[in-house]
Amino acid sequence: MQERFFKEASSDFSMSLPSLSSEDLHYLQALCDEDVDINTLLIQKMPKTDLHVHAEAGFLIDIELAKIIAERNNIPFPYDLVDEKNQQWKFTGSDDLDQFIKDFRRISNLLKTPQDIEDITYAFYKYCYEHHVIFALPGISWVQCKEHISFVEFNLAYNRGLMRGLKEFGDVTTLRLRYYQERHIDPKEFQNIWDNIRQYPNPMVTTIGLAGAEDGYPLENFLNFFDEVNQYRRREGNPWYFITAHIEPEAQEHTLEIAKKYLDRFAHGRNVANYPELEKKLKCDGMTLELCPLSDVAFFPKSIPNLQAHTQFQTLFKDEMISLNSDDPAFCGAIDAVYQAVFKELNCNMALLFRCTYNGLFAVTPNTLEAMHLFAPETYQAHMLLLKHSMLKLKFFELYVHLLQEIRAINDEYRELKKHILGISLHTPISELNRISSHLLNIGKETNITSLIDIKQEIIRTAKVLETETLQAIEKFEHNYLLSQEQNINCLEL
């Protein structure tokens, strides 16, 4: 095993991940099963965020579920888009985003009913739980399904999938939605969707983004839209939306400077690394870039054959400006694979990965949060609760690593107890933590386990509050829609 020396996280990081020495790692490795690598195991357990992840085909990771959906909708399954080696979707272009979007649409066309949307959302929630994703923000687009599902049915289906996932996995994972406007659709349709968003504001949609085909649809074409969203969110009584957009890989400095004035954070934006002064400004402002390193390698293999060749990513990663994201996990691999690849290929310090998760939680500038507090205080309070709940999970992992440092002080006759301590994760029930604590007390060892239990209890408490508030908001959205439908019927009858 190599010692990691890439770069320590900055001293201003409010939560410090303890550094495990080479001796610590070798000792922990000896407690693992033969086929388990200790670094891989620790990264699997590490809390993660996944802000930049496309829904519909993008997070339809389970190929078997896709086949079930195709069969019940009586649609031929696109076997030519399945990579038989890894059972992931593949796309037929190389360095060709437009071809990827065409392949993406072919898979999205499997989705015809609200049940399809609910099922893939629940499956993604479960995937996030399994990969220790504490917060994800899947980006949804009605354009994929509008021929078959109304705008409100589309939103209700996502909400039902979120409710199912929340009830089962909410202690560990929280999901919210980003609505993606598509660059390439007809301007009238673009406006119609924005009208729908305002008429039926889904409380689970916290962010408005811009995605879709980029060739011929530059960011500058949408500045009026960004300005309109900003003005809308600042009016009393309106929902608050964070504003994002995909930044074209070839965007020049003047485009990035303009984007900075309109957006709360950049989706992608790796070309910021080409302009050191701009990077310095963005970092000073506190903006996070949503980088997706494995999708860069997958979509641009000629210019970025691997992460070691991805100099833009390396610059921004070392400067602690990014969150790590999967982009399209059904095509490019799970978020855990992203964290693992960055660690292994760049030989980096684990604290930098931990920092990326922190950045994913605090992804917008303090000025944006202040404006949110001023214009949408209730939404701000809900956002703060979500942040608190998520930060508790980072604290849990920090204390867990402290506990791992203490294992070596426990007598070797208690090897099984040590293995149980190593096995702790965010998934570990409070009863198991109490059992381990009891064993440690019986052998006279004072460790961080008590603090870990306290944090776990607070995670459970805040999860219940968050679940209650989330379910109430979803139920209110559904109630308001049904009420508006009744009023429309009454008006027609009159």
Protein backbone atom coordinates (compact mmCIF):
# COMPACT_ATOMS: atom_id res chain seq x y z
CA MET A 1 0.00 0.00 0.00
CA GLN A 2 1.19 3.48 -0.86
CA GLU A 3 1.07 6.39 1.51
CA ARG A 4 -1.02 9.22 0.07
CA PHE A 5 0.78 12.53 -0.17
CA PHE A 6 -0.92 14.47 -3.01
CA LYS A 7 -2.05 17.38 -0.84
CA GLU A 8 -3.60 17.90 2.55
CA ALA A 9 -6.95 19.69 2.78
CA SER A 10 -6.79 23.38 3.67
CA SER A 11 -6.65 24.42 7.31
CA ASP A 12 -9.86 26.44 6.93
CA PHE A 13 -11.85 23.23 6.37
CA SER A 14 -14.31 23.19 9.26
CA MET A 15 -14.14 19.41 9.66
CA SER A 16 -10.77 17.68 9.64
CA LEU A 17 -10.50 14.08 8.50
CA PRO A 18 -7.82 12.33 10.59
CA SER A 19 -4.86 11.05 8.64
CA LEU A 20 -4.28 7.32 8.90
CA SER A 21 -0.57 6.50 8.90
CA SER A 22 1.00 3.72 6.86
CA GLU A 23 1.18 1.69 10.07
CA ASP A 24 -2.53 2.28 10.72
CA LEU A 25 -3.43 1.19 7.20
CA HIS A 26 -1.28 -1.95 7.34
CA TYR A 27 -2.83 -2.88 10.68
CA LEU A 28 -6.37 -2.34 9.36
CA GLN A 29 -5.55 -4.27 6.18
CA ALA A 30 -4.69 -7.29 8.33
CA LEU A 31 -8.24 -7.17 9.75
CA CYS A 32 -9.82 -7.26 6.29
CA ASP A 33 -10.87 -10.32 4.35
CA GLU A 34 -8.31 -11.52 1.83
CA ASP A 35 -9.95 -9.93 -1.22
CA VAL A 36 -10.64 -6.53 0.42
CA ASP A 37 -8.35 -3.51 0.04
CA ILE A 38 -8.51 -1.19 3.04
CA ASN A 39 -8.38 2.05 1.01
CA THR A 40 -11.16 0.83 -1.27
CA LEU A 41 -13.22 -0.13 1.77
CA LEU A 42 -12.79 3.26 3.45
CA ILE A 43 -13.76 5.15 0.30
CA GLN A 44 -16.84 2.94 -0.07
CA LYS A 45 -17.88 4.00 3.43
CA MET A 46 -17.04 7.68 2.90
CA PRO A 47 -20.10 9.97 2.68
CA LYS A 48 -20.53 11.25 -0.89
CA THR A 49 -22.56 13.82 -2.77
CA ASP A 50 -23.72 13.56 -6.38
CA LEU A 51 -25.06 16.93 -7.50
CA HIS A 52 -24.57 16.49 -11.22
CA VAL A 53 -26.45 13.36 -12.17
CA HIS A 54 -28.96 13.15 -15.00
CA ALA A 55 -32.21 11.33 -14.40
CA GLU A 56 -34.27 9.33 -16.92
CA ALA A 57 -31.70 7.35 -18.97
CA GLY A 58 -28.81 8.85 -17.01
CA PHE A 59 -29.62 7.11 -13.74
CA LEU A 60 -31.41 4.06 -15.16
CA ILE A 61 -28.49 1.98 -13.89
CA ASP A 62 -30.31 -1.33 -13.50
CA ILE A 63 -30.39 -2.89 -16.98
CA GLU A 64 -32.80 -5.57 -15.74
CA LEU A 65 -35.23 -2.88 -14.57
CA ALA A 66 -34.92 -1.23 -17.99
CA LYS A 67 -35.85 -4.55 -19.62
CA ILE A 68 -38.89 -4.88 -17.34
CA ILE A 69 -40.02 -1.37 -18.26
CA ALA A 70 -39.53 -2.04 -21.98
CA GLU A 71 -41.53 -5.27 -21.75
CA ARG A 72 -44.49 -3.78 -19.88
CA ASN A 73 -44.59 -0.87 -22.35
CA ASN A 74 -44.28 -3.26 -25.32
CA ILE A 75 -41.17 -1.50 -26.66
CA PRO A 76 -38.20 -3.25 -28.33
CA PHE A 77 -35.24 -3.18 -25.98
CA PRO A 78 -32.10 -1.43 -27.37
CA TYR A 79 -29.63 -4.28 -26.86
CA ASP A 80 -27.13 -2.53 -29.14
CA LEU A 81 -26.67 0.14 -26.44
CA VAL A 82 -25.72 -2.34 -23.69
CA ASP A 83 -22.06 -3.03 -23.00
CA GLU A 84 -22.03 -6.77 -22.34
CA LYS A 85 -18.76 -6.60 -20.38
CA ASN A 86 -19.96 -4.34 -17.57
CA GLN A 87 -23.73 -4.32 -18.12
CA GLN A 88 -23.76 -0.54 -18.45
CA TRP A 89 -25.27 1.52 -21.22
CA LYS A 90 -22.90 2.68 -23.92
CA PHE A 91 -23.11 5.39 -26.53
CA THR A 92 -22.11 5.05 -30.14
CA GLY A 93 -20.25 8.33 -30.54
CA SER A 94 -16.77 9.37 -29.46
CA ASP A 95 -16.02 13.00 -28.60
CA ASP A 96 -19.57 13.64 -29.86
CA LEU A 97 -22.03 15.01 -27.29
CA ASP A 98 -24.86 15.23 -29.82
CA GLN A 99 -24.58 11.50 -30.59
CA PHE A 100 -24.64 10.76 -26.87
CA ILE A 101 -27.85 12.78 -26.52
CA LYS A 102 -29.42 10.75 -29.36
CA ASP A 103 -28.50 7.49 -27.60
CA PHE A 104 -29.73 8.94 -24.30
CA ARG A 105 -33.09 9.70 -25.95
CA ARG A 106 -33.41 6.15 -27.27
CA ILE A 107 -33.14 4.82 -23.74
CA SER A 108 -35.38 7.54 -22.30
CA ASN A 109 -38.03 6.51 -24.83
CA LEU A 110 -38.53 3.33 -22.80
CA LEU A 111 -40.24 5.50 -20.16
CA LYS A 112 -43.92 5.91 -20.95
CA THR A 113 -45.85 5.94 -17.66
CA PRO A 114 -45.73 7.58 -14.23
CA GLN A 115 -44.99 4.12 -12.79
CA ASP A 116 -41.82 3.96 -14.88
CA ILE A 117 -40.63 7.28 -13.45
CA GLU A 118 -41.49 6.24 -9.90
CA ASP A 119 -39.67 2.91 -10.26
CA ILE A 120 -36.43 4.35 -11.64
CA THR A 121 -36.43 7.09 -8.98
CA TYR A 122 -36.85 4.60 -6.16
CA ALA A 123 -34.12 2.40 -7.69
CA PHE A 124 -31.79 5.41 -7.84
CA TYR A 125 -32.56 6.28 -4.22
CA LYS A 126 -31.60 2.74 -3.23
CA TYR A 127 -28.40 3.00 -5.31
CA CYS A 128 -27.49 6.24 -3.49
CA TYR A 129 -28.02 4.55 -0.12
CA GLU A 130 -25.85 1.60 -1.12
CA HIS A 131 -23.03 3.95 -2.23
CA HIS A 132 -23.19 6.12 0.92
CA VAL A 133 -24.45 9.12 -1.04
CA ILE A 134 -25.75 11.50 1.62
CA PHE A 135 -27.14 14.04 -0.86
CA ALA A 136 -27.95 13.79 -4.56
CA LEU A 137 -29.62 16.21 -6.95
CA PRO A 138 -30.81 14.27 -10.01
CA GLY A 139 -31.62 16.51 -12.95
CA ILE A 140 -35.00 15.76 -14.51
CA SER A 141 -36.42 16.79 -17.89
CA TRP A 142 -40.05 16.42 -18.89
CA VAL A 143 -38.98 16.65 -22.54
CA GLN A 144 -38.05 12.96 -22.32
CA CYS A 145 -41.63 11.91 -21.52
CA LYS A 146 -43.98 14.74 -22.49
CA GLU A 147 -45.69 12.79 -25.28
CA HIS A 148 -47.01 10.29 -22.73
CA ILE A 149 -47.12 12.00 -19.31
CA SER A 150 -48.41 15.43 -18.32
CA PHE A 151 -46.04 17.84 -16.58
CA VAL A 152 -47.72 17.41 -13.21
CA GLU A 153 -47.96 13.60 -13.54
CA PHE A 154 -44.22 13.63 -14.27
CA ASN A 155 -43.51 15.59 -11.08
CA LEU A 156 -45.90 13.52 -8.97
CA ALA A 157 -44.22 10.32 -10.16
CA TYR A 158 -40.79 11.61 -9.15
CA ASN A 159 -42.18 12.64 -5.79
CA ARG A 160 -43.68 9.20 -5.17
CA GLY A 161 -40.32 7.60 -5.94
CA LEU A 162 -38.65 10.02 -3.53
CA MET A 163 -41.21 9.26 -0.81
CA ARG A 164 -40.63 5.52 -1.12
CA GLY A 165 -36.89 5.97 -0.96
CA LEU A 166 -37.04 8.47 1.89
CA LYS A 167 -39.07 6.13 4.09
CA GLU A 168 -36.56 3.29 3.60
CA PHE A 169 -33.22 5.06 3.25
CA GLY A 170 -33.72 8.57 4.65
CA ASP A 171 -31.37 8.12 7.61
CA VAL A 172 -28.45 8.01 5.18
CA THR A 173 -29.62 9.60 1.92
CA THR A 174 -31.54 12.74 0.95
CA LEU A 175 -32.57 13.51 -2.62
CA ARG A 176 -33.86 16.72 -4.18
CA LEU A 177 -34.46 17.50 -7.85
CA ARG A 178 -33.01 19.90 -10.41
CA TYR A 179 -35.26 20.72 -13.36
CA TYR A 180 -33.27 20.89 -16.59
CA GLN A 181 -34.45 23.22 -19.30
CA GLU A 182 -33.19 21.93 -22.66
CA ARG A 183 -31.23 24.32 -24.89
CA HIS A 184 -32.24 22.78 -28.18
CA ILE A 185 -36.04 22.66 -27.89
CA ASP A 186 -38.38 25.14 -29.58
CA PRO A 187 -38.40 28.53 -27.75
CA LYS A 188 -42.19 28.36 -27.34
CA GLU A 189 -41.91 24.94 -25.73
CA PHE A 190 -39.05 26.22 -23.55
CA GLN A 191 -41.30 29.05 -22.33
CA ASN A 192 -44.26 26.70 -21.86
CA ILE A 193 -42.19 24.49 -19.54
CA TRP A 194 -41.07 27.51 -17.51
CA ASP A 195 -44.75 28.54 -17.25
CA ASN A 196 -45.57 25.03 -15.97
CA ILE A 197 -42.79 25.19 -13.38
CA ARG A 198 -44.24 28.44 -12.03
CA GLN A 199 -47.85 27.28 -12.17
CA TYR A 200 -47.09 23.97 -10.43
CA PRO A 201 -44.04 24.58 -8.20
CA ASN A 202 -42.80 21.20 -6.98
CA PRO A 203 -41.16 21.67 -3.55
CA MET A 204 -38.74 18.85 -4.36
CA VAL A 205 -37.31 20.90 -7.24
CA THR A 206 -34.73 23.16 -5.61
CA THR A 207 -32.66 24.04 -8.68
CA ILE A 208 -33.25 25.17 -12.26
CA GLY A 209 -30.55 24.11 -14.71
CA LEU A 210 -29.76 24.28 -18.40
CA ALA A 211 -28.73 21.16 -20.32
CA GLY A 212 -29.26 19.61 -23.75
CA ALA A 213 -27.45 19.89 -27.08
CA GLU A 214 -24.84 22.65 -27.00
CA ASP A 215 -23.80 22.94 -30.65
CA GLY A 216 -25.59 26.03 -31.97
CA TYR A 217 -27.16 26.85 -28.60
CA PRO A 218 -24.54 28.88 -26.69
CA LEU A 219 -24.99 29.90 -23.08
CA GLU A 220 -25.35 33.55 -24.08
CA ASN A 221 -28.70 32.76 -25.73
CA PHE A 222 -30.23 32.08 -22.31
CA LEU A 223 -29.10 35.05 -20.23
CA ASN A 224 -32.58 36.59 -20.30
CA PHE A 225 -33.99 33.34 -18.94
CA PHE A 226 -31.48 33.25 -16.08
CA ASP A 227 -32.32 36.86 -15.29
CA GLU A 228 -36.04 36.03 -15.29
CA VAL A 229 -35.52 33.13 -12.86
CA ASN A 230 -33.46 35.38 -10.60
CA GLN A 231 -36.13 38.09 -10.58
CA TYR A 232 -38.86 35.48 -9.98
CA ARG A 233 -37.16 33.92 -6.95
CA ARG A 234 -36.72 37.34 -5.33
CA ARG A 235 -40.45 38.10 -5.27
CA GLU A 236 -42.25 37.52 -2.01
CA GLY A 237 -44.13 34.23 -1.86
CA ASN A 238 -42.31 32.63 -4.79
CA PRO A 239 -40.18 29.50 -4.40
CA TRP A 240 -36.43 29.92 -4.38
CA TYR A 241 -34.46 28.10 -7.06
CA PHE A 242 -30.69 27.81 -7.33
CA ILE A 243 -29.60 28.55 -10.91
CA THR A 244 -27.08 26.40 -12.81
CA ALA A 245 -26.12 25.62 -16.40
CA HIS A 246 -23.90 23.23 -18.28
CA ILE A 247 -20.77 25.11 -19.27
CA GLU A 248 -19.54 24.17 -22.73
CA PRO A 249 -16.07 22.54 -22.67
CA GLU A 250 -14.81 25.08 -25.20
CA ALA A 251 -16.25 28.15 -23.39
CA GLN A 252 -13.82 31.06 -23.39
CA GLU A 253 -13.01 33.36 -20.48
CA HIS A 254 -15.53 36.06 -21.45
CA THR A 255 -18.34 33.46 -21.47
CA LEU A 256 -17.29 32.20 -18.05
CA GLU A 257 -17.16 35.76 -16.72
CA ILE A 258 -20.71 36.34 -17.96
CA ALA A 259 -21.90 33.02 -16.53
CA LYS A 260 -20.48 33.99 -13.13
CA LYS A 261 -22.90 36.93 -13.00
CA TYR A 262 -25.99 34.80 -13.65
CA LEU A 263 -25.34 31.37 -12.15
CA ASP A 264 -25.10 30.16 -8.57
CA ARG A 265 -22.70 27.41 -9.63
CA PHE A 266 -21.31 25.88 -12.80
CA ALA A 267 -22.32 22.45 -14.07
CA HIS A 268 -19.00 21.09 -15.36
CA GLY A 269 -16.85 24.18 -15.97
CA ARG A 270 -13.48 22.42 -16.10
CA ASN A 271 -12.17 25.06 -18.50
CA VAL A 272 -12.09 27.50 -15.57
CA ALA A 273 -8.68 25.93 -14.93
CA ASN A 274 -7.40 27.64 -18.10
CA TYR A 275 -7.87 31.07 -16.51
CA PRO A 276 -6.06 31.35 -13.14
CA GLU A 277 -7.37 34.83 -12.27
CA LEU A 278 -10.97 33.79 -12.91
CA GLU A 279 -10.43 30.62 -10.89
CA LYS A 280 -9.11 32.73 -8.03
CA LYS A 281 -12.22 34.97 -8.16
CA LEU A 282 -14.62 32.02 -8.16
CA LYS A 283 -12.81 30.38 -5.26
CA CYS A 284 -12.82 33.64 -3.31
CA ASP A 285 -16.58 33.93 -3.89
CA GLY A 286 -17.06 30.37 -2.65
CA MET A 287 -18.45 28.82 -5.84
CA THR A 288 -18.23 25.06 -6.37
CA LEU A 289 -17.73 23.51 -9.80
CA GLU A 290 -19.66 20.30 -10.47
CA LEU A 291 -16.94 18.24 -12.13
CA CYS A 292 -17.57 14.79 -13.59
CA PRO A 293 -14.11 13.32 -14.28
CA LEU A 294 -15.12 9.83 -15.43
CA SER A 295 -17.69 11.18 -17.87
CA ASP A 296 -15.00 13.51 -19.28
CA VAL A 297 -12.83 10.44 -19.92
CA ALA A 298 -15.79 8.51 -21.39
CA PHE A 299 -17.06 11.28 -23.66
CA PHE A 300 -13.73 12.82 -24.73
CA PRO A 301 -11.30 9.87 -24.98
CA LYS A 302 -9.12 11.54 -27.61
CA SER A 303 -8.29 14.60 -25.54
CA ILE A 304 -8.73 13.02 -22.07
CA PRO A 305 -7.76 9.33 -22.27
CA ASN A 306 -7.45 9.01 -18.47
CA LEU A 307 -7.42 11.07 -15.28
CA GLN A 308 -3.65 11.44 -15.33
CA ALA A 309 -4.07 13.31 -18.62
CA HIS A 310 -6.92 15.42 -17.24
CA THR A 311 -4.85 18.43 -16.19
CA GLN A 312 -7.85 20.77 -15.87
CA PHE A 313 -9.47 18.45 -13.37
CA GLN A 314 -6.25 17.99 -11.43
CA THR A 315 -5.78 21.75 -11.08
CA LEU A 316 -9.29 22.39 -9.76
CA PHE A 317 -9.23 19.30 -7.54
CA LYS A 318 -5.96 20.33 -5.88
CA ASP A 319 -7.35 23.84 -5.39
CA GLU A 320 -10.38 22.33 -3.58
CA MET A 321 -12.96 24.04 -5.82
CA ILE A 322 -15.02 21.05 -6.88
CA SER A 323 -17.56 18.44 -5.99
CA LEU A 324 -17.22 14.97 -7.53
CA ASN A 325 -20.15 13.77 -9.62
CA SER A 326 -21.18 10.83 -11.78
CA ASP A 327 -23.02 12.78 -14.54
CA ASP A 328 -24.65 9.71 -16.13
CA PRO A 329 -23.90 6.72 -13.88
CA ALA A 330 -25.77 4.33 -16.15
CA PHE A 331 -23.18 5.12 -18.84
CA CYS A 332 -20.06 6.28 -16.98
CA GLY A 333 -20.09 4.36 -13.71
CA ALA A 334 -21.32 4.86 -10.16
CA ILE A 335 -20.30 7.75 -7.94
CA ASP A 336 -18.26 5.35 -5.80
CA ALA A 337 -16.28 4.50 -8.94
CA VAL A 338 -15.59 8.23 -9.40
CA TYR A 339 -14.19 8.63 -5.87
CA GLN A 340 -12.19 5.39 -6.19
CA ALA A 341 -10.72 6.34 -9.57
CA VAL A 342 -9.63 9.80 -8.43
CA PHE A 343 -7.96 8.32 -5.35
CA LYS A 344 -6.14 5.56 -7.20
CA GLU A 345 -5.19 7.28 -10.45
CA LEU A 346 -4.06 10.56 -8.89
CA ASN A 347 -2.51 9.03 -5.78
CA CYS A 348 -4.28 11.65 -3.69
CA ASN A 349 -4.88 12.15 0.00
CA MET A 350 -8.25 10.86 1.25
CA ALA A 351 -8.90 14.21 2.94
CA LEU A 352 -9.24 15.80 -0.51
CA LEU A 353 -12.03 13.38 -1.42
CA PHE A 354 -13.73 14.23 1.86
CA ARG A 355 -13.42 17.91 0.97
CA CYS A 356 -15.23 17.25 -2.32
CA THR A 357 -18.20 15.89 -0.37
CA TYR A 358 -18.17 18.98 1.83
CA ASN A 359 -18.10 21.18 -1.28
CA GLY A 360 -21.08 19.28 -2.64
CA LEU A 361 -23.08 20.31 0.41
CA PHE A 362 -21.90 23.93 0.43
CA ALA A 363 -22.00 24.33 -3.33
CA VAL A 364 -23.24 27.92 -3.64
CA THR A 365 -21.69 31.16 -2.49
CA PRO A 366 -22.44 32.72 0.91
CA ASN A 367 -23.95 35.69 -0.96
CA THR A 368 -26.47 33.38 -2.62
CA LEU A 369 -27.43 31.87 0.74
CA GLU A 370 -27.85 35.36 2.21
CA ALA A 371 -30.20 36.29 -0.63
CA MET A 372 -32.12 33.05 -0.10
CA HIS A 373 -32.43 33.87 3.60
CA LEU A 374 -33.76 37.34 2.77
CA PHE A 375 -36.25 36.47 0.03
CA ALA A 376 -37.30 32.91 0.98
CA PRO A 377 -36.74 32.45 4.74
CA GLU A 378 -38.82 29.25 5.01
CA THR A 379 -36.94 27.61 2.14
CA TYR A 380 -33.69 28.76 3.72
CA GLN A 381 -34.60 27.07 7.01
CA ALA A 382 -35.43 23.83 5.17
CA HIS A 383 -32.09 24.05 3.36
CA MET A 384 -30.26 24.60 6.64
CA LEU A 385 -31.92 21.51 8.14
CA LEU A 386 -30.79 19.46 5.16
CA LEU A 387 -27.24 20.79 5.55
CA LYS A 388 -27.23 20.04 9.27
CA HIS A 389 -28.45 16.49 8.65
CA SER A 390 -25.74 15.98 6.02
CA MET A 391 -22.93 17.50 8.10
CA LEU A 392 -23.75 15.11 10.93
CA LYS A 393 -22.90 12.27 8.56
CA LEU A 394 -19.54 13.84 7.76
CA LYS A 395 -18.93 14.14 11.49
CA PHE A 396 -19.88 10.48 11.90
CA PHE A 397 -17.25 9.45 9.35
CA GLU A 398 -14.64 11.70 10.96
CA LEU A 399 -15.24 10.05 14.35
CA TYR A 400 -15.22 6.62 12.71
CA VAL A 401 -11.71 7.28 11.35
CA HIS A 402 -10.63 8.44 14.83
CA LEU A 403 -11.99 5.15 16.16
CA LEU A 404 -9.93 3.24 13.59
CA GLN A 405 -6.81 4.94 14.93
CA GLU A 406 -7.65 3.60 18.39
CA ILE A 407 -8.00 -0.03 17.26
CA ARG A 408 -4.28 -0.74 17.59
CA ALA A 409 -4.46 -0.02 21.32
CA ILE A 410 -6.93 -2.88 21.81
CA ASN A 411 -5.41 -6.22 22.78
CA ASP A 412 -5.10 -8.71 19.90
CA GLU A 413 -7.21 -11.26 21.76
CA TYR A 414 -10.21 -9.09 20.81
CA ARG A 415 -9.66 -9.42 17.07
CA GLU A 416 -13.36 -10.06 16.34
CA LEU A 417 -14.30 -6.89 18.22
CA LYS A 418 -11.77 -4.96 16.14
CA LYS A 419 -13.32 -6.36 12.95
CA HIS A 420 -16.75 -5.24 14.14
CA ILE A 421 -15.36 -1.74 14.71
CA LEU A 422 -13.85 -1.73 11.22
CA GLY A 423 -17.25 -2.80 9.86
CA ILE A 424 -19.03 0.31 11.17
CA SER A 425 -20.61 2.58 8.55
CA LEU A 426 -23.52 4.99 8.18
CA HIS A 427 -25.66 1.88 7.65
CA THR A 428 -24.84 0.47 11.09
CA PRO A 429 -27.93 0.48 13.35
CA ILE A 430 -27.75 2.15 16.74
CA SER A 431 -28.27 -1.23 18.44
CA GLU A 432 -25.02 -2.55 16.90
CA LEU A 433 -23.11 0.58 17.96
CA ASN A 434 -24.40 0.13 21.51
CA ARG A 435 -23.33 -3.52 21.48
CA ILE A 436 -19.80 -2.58 20.38
CA SER A 437 -19.68 0.16 23.01
CA SER A 438 -20.69 -2.32 25.71
CA HIS A 439 -17.88 -4.69 24.68
CA LEU A 440 -15.34 -1.85 24.77
CA LEU A 441 -16.46 -0.80 28.24
CA ASN A 442 -16.23 -4.40 29.44
CA ILE A 443 -12.55 -4.53 28.46
CA GLY A 444 -11.90 -1.10 29.96
CA LYS A 445 -11.35 0.82 26.73
CA GLU A 446 -12.48 4.43 26.41
CA THR A 447 -12.84 5.33 22.74
CA ASN A 448 -14.73 7.66 20.40
CA ILE A 449 -17.59 5.15 20.21
CA THR A 450 -19.72 7.16 22.68
CA SER A 451 -19.43 10.30 20.55
CA LEU A 452 -20.21 8.20 17.48
CA ILE A 453 -23.41 6.95 19.11
CA ASP A 454 -24.40 10.50 20.04
CA ILE A 455 -23.96 11.60 16.43
CA LYS A 456 -25.92 8.59 15.16
CA GLN A 457 -28.81 9.45 17.48
CA GLU A 458 -28.82 13.04 16.21
CA ILE A 459 -28.76 11.77 12.61
CA ILE A 460 -31.85 9.66 13.35
CA ARG A 461 -33.59 12.58 15.05
CA THR A 462 -32.96 15.07 12.24
CA ALA A 463 -33.87 12.42 9.66
CA LYS A 464 -37.32 12.10 11.24
CA VAL A 465 -37.82 15.87 11.18
CA LEU A 466 -36.62 16.05 7.57
CA GLU A 467 -38.86 13.15 6.57
CA THR A 468 -41.91 14.74 8.17
CA GLU A 469 -41.31 18.10 6.49
CA THR A 470 -40.56 16.48 3.13
CA LEU A 471 -43.67 14.30 3.14
CA GLN A 472 -45.83 17.26 4.17
CA ALA A 473 -44.44 19.36 1.31
CA ILE A 474 -45.05 16.57 -1.22
CA GLU A 475 -48.60 16.00 0.06
CA LYS A 476 -49.31 19.74 -0.11
CA PHE A 477 -48.13 19.85 -3.73
CA GLU A 478 -50.43 16.96 -4.64
CA HIS A 479 -53.34 18.48 -2.69
CA ASN A 480 -52.92 21.88 -4.38
CA TYR A 481 -52.88 20.25 -7.80
CA LEU A 482 -56.04 18.24 -7.12
CA LEU A 483 -57.71 21.38 -5.77
CA SER A 484 -56.82 23.32 -8.92
CA GLN A 485 -58.24 20.50 -11.06
CA GLU A 486 -61.53 20.62 -9.13
CA GLN A 487 -61.70 24.38 -9.57
CA ASN A 488 -61.10 24.02 -13.31
CA ILE A 489 -63.91 21.45 -13.57
CA ASN A 490 -66.27 23.72 -11.62
CA CYS A 491 -65.45 26.64 -13.91
CA LEU A 492 -66.18 24.49 -16.98
CA GLU A 493 -69.52 23.39 -15.50
CA LEU A 494 -70.51 27.01 -14.90
